[in-house]
């Protein structure tokens, strides 16, 4: 049986998927906010070390949307403006 992924990685992935930039992307290209497994497999995501760093930053308490977007921008160096 599998052991799953480390907690920091899982939290980082959850934080990334809940970011404004990812939400905006899905709304532009899929027309809805429902995401299926094939969407996730084809979706570009940060490198593992970036997801782990993001997970570490949000581990104690999940930040509000503005802070989450700020942390994500710091870690993966992307512009998280919703109008992209």
C-alpha atoms as a PDB file:
ATOM      1  CA  UNK A   1       0.000   0.000   0.000  1.00  0.00           C
ATOM      2  CA  UNK A   2       1.107   3.533  -0.718  1.00  0.00           C
ATOM      3  CA  UNK A   3       1.985   5.946   1.998  1.00  0.00           C
ATOM      4  CA  UNK A   4       0.727   9.061   0.244  1.00  0.00           C
ATOM      5  CA  UNK A   5       2.693  12.248  -0.099  1.00  0.00           C
ATOM      6  CA  UNK A   6       4.393  14.148   2.724  1.00  0.00           C
ATOM      7  CA  UNK A   7       2.159  16.564   4.640  1.00  0.00           C
ATOM      8  CA  UNK A   8       4.106  19.663   3.568  1.00  0.00           C
ATOM      9  CA  UNK A   9       3.787  18.682  -0.088  1.00  0.00           C
ATOM     10  CA  UNK A  10       0.048  18.009   0.263  1.00  0.00           C
ATOM     11  CA  UNK A  11      -0.503  21.351   2.018  1.00  0.00           C
ATOM     12  CA  UNK A  12       1.571  23.130  -0.618  1.00  0.00           C
ATOM     13  CA  UNK A  13      -0.441  21.534  -3.408  1.00  0.00           C
ATOM     14  CA  UNK A  14      -3.704  22.462  -1.676  1.00  0.00           C
ATOM     15  CA  UNK A  15      -2.498  26.036  -1.238  1.00  0.00           C
ATOM     16  CA  UNK A  16      -1.421  26.260  -4.881  1.00  0.00           C
ATOM     17  CA  UNK A  17      -4.729  24.898  -6.151  1.00  0.00           C
ATOM     18  CA  UNK A  18      -6.582  27.419  -3.950  1.00  0.00           C
ATOM     19  CA  UNK A  19      -4.615  30.401  -5.252  1.00  0.00           C
ATOM     20  CA  UNK A  20      -6.175  33.201  -7.266  1.00  0.00           C
ATOM     21  CA  UNK A  21      -3.932  32.562 -10.269  1.00  0.00           C
ATOM     22  CA  UNK A  22      -4.998  28.916 -10.553  1.00  0.00           C
ATOM     23  CA  UNK A  23      -8.659  29.830 -10.063  1.00  0.00           C
ATOM     24  CA  UNK A  24      -8.390  32.467 -12.801  1.00  0.00           C
ATOM     25  CA  UNK A  25      -6.686  30.017 -15.148  1.00  0.00           C
ATOM     26  CA  UNK A  26      -9.364  27.364 -14.741  1.00  0.00           C
ATOM     27  CA  UNK A  27     -12.154  29.888 -15.188  1.00  0.00           C
ATOM     28  CA  UNK A  28     -10.601  31.171 -18.432  1.00  0.00           C
ATOM     29  CA  UNK A  29      -9.896  27.834 -20.042  1.00  0.00           C
ATOM     30  CA  UNK A  30     -12.494  25.477 -18.705  1.00  0.00           C
ATOM     31  CA  UNK A  31     -15.460  27.783 -18.168  1.00  0.00           C
ATOM     32  CA  UNK A  32     -16.142  26.322 -14.725  1.00  0.00           C
ATOM     33  CA  UNK A  33     -14.402  25.707 -11.419  1.00  0.00           C
ATOM     34  CA  UNK A  34     -14.859  21.933 -11.295  1.00  0.00           C
ATOM     35  CA  UNK A  35     -11.564  20.144 -11.766  1.00  0.00           C
ATOM     36  CA  UNK A  36     -11.203  16.471 -12.641  1.00  0.00           C
ATOM     37  CA  UNK A  37      -8.178  14.181 -12.414  1.00  0.00           C
ATOM     38  CA  UNK A  38      -7.184  14.575 -16.069  1.00  0.00           C
ATOM     39  CA  UNK A  39      -7.210  18.379 -15.631  1.00  0.00           C
ATOM     40  CA  UNK A  40      -4.810  18.018 -12.717  1.00  0.00           C
ATOM     41  CA  UNK A  41      -2.527  15.640 -14.593  1.00  0.00           C
ATOM     42  CA  UNK A  42      -2.158  18.034 -17.522  1.00  0.00           C
ATOM     43  CA  UNK A  43      -1.906  21.153 -15.392  1.00  0.00           C
ATOM     44  CA  UNK A  44       1.514  22.710 -14.858  1.00  0.00           C
ATOM     45  CA  UNK A  45       2.423  23.022 -11.211  1.00  0.00           C
ATOM     46  CA  UNK A  46       5.400  24.279  -9.214  1.00  0.00           C
ATOM     47  CA  UNK A  47       8.415  22.092  -8.647  1.00  0.00           C
ATOM     48  CA  UNK A  48       8.354  19.700  -5.703  1.00  0.00           C
ATOM     49  CA  UNK A  49      10.692  21.833  -3.584  1.00  0.00           C
ATOM     50  CA  UNK A  50       8.425  24.847  -4.202  1.00  0.00           C
ATOM     51  CA  UNK A  51       5.312  22.924  -3.158  1.00  0.00           C
ATOM     52  CA  UNK A  52       7.116  21.773  -0.022  1.00  0.00           C
ATOM     53  CA  UNK A  53       8.192  25.347   0.782  1.00  0.00           C
ATOM     54  CA  UNK A  54       4.647  26.578   0.223  1.00  0.00           C
ATOM     55  CA  UNK A  55       3.299  23.802   2.443  1.00  0.00           C
ATOM     56  CA  UNK A  56       5.740  24.686   5.189  1.00  0.00           C
ATOM     57  CA  UNK A  57       4.651  28.344   5.066  1.00  0.00           C
ATOM     58  CA  UNK A  58       0.939  27.498   5.369  1.00  0.00           C
ATOM     59  CA  UNK A  59       1.291  24.498   7.704  1.00  0.00           C
ATOM     60  CA  UNK A  60       0.365  26.141  11.007  1.00  0.00           C
ATOM     61  CA  UNK A  61      -2.588  28.158   9.793  1.00  0.00           C
ATOM     62  CA  UNK A  62      -3.949  28.474   6.298  1.00  0.00           C
ATOM     63  CA  UNK A  63      -3.686  32.163   5.300  1.00  0.00           C
ATOM     64  CA  UNK A  64      -6.426  34.333   3.844  1.00  0.00           C
ATOM     65  CA  UNK A  65      -6.572  34.659   0.044  1.00  0.00           C
ATOM     66  CA  UNK A  66      -4.440  37.793  -0.207  1.00  0.00           C
ATOM     67  CA  UNK A  67      -1.689  36.372   1.989  1.00  0.00           C
ATOM     68  CA  UNK A  68      -1.787  33.018   0.175  1.00  0.00           C
ATOM     69  CA  UNK A  69      -1.324  34.746  -3.173  1.00  0.00           C
ATOM     70  CA  UNK A  70       1.545  36.796  -1.738  1.00  0.00           C
ATOM     71  CA  UNK A  71       3.312  33.707  -0.365  1.00  0.00           C
ATOM     72  CA  UNK A  72       2.831  31.858  -3.654  1.00  0.00           C
ATOM     73  CA  UNK A  73       4.253  34.783  -5.592  1.00  0.00           C
ATOM     74  CA  UNK A  74       7.316  34.841  -3.323  1.00  0.00           C
ATOM     75  CA  UNK A  75       7.949  31.128  -3.642  1.00  0.00           C
ATOM     76  CA  UNK A  76       7.307  30.479  -7.318  1.00  0.00           C
ATOM     77  CA  UNK A  77       7.999  33.993  -8.604  1.00  0.00           C
ATOM     78  CA  UNK A  78       4.813  34.355 -10.629  1.00  0.00           C
ATOM     79  CA  UNK A  79       2.535  37.338 -10.914  1.00  0.00           C
ATOM     80  CA  UNK A  80      -0.686  36.400  -9.144  1.00  0.00           C
ATOM     81  CA  UNK A  81      -2.874  39.235 -10.382  1.00  0.00           C
ATOM     82  CA  UNK A  82      -6.330  37.845 -11.188  1.00  0.00           C
ATOM     83  CA  UNK A  83      -6.508  39.772 -14.488  1.00  0.00           C
ATOM     84  CA  UNK A  84      -3.849  37.668 -16.247  1.00  0.00           C
END
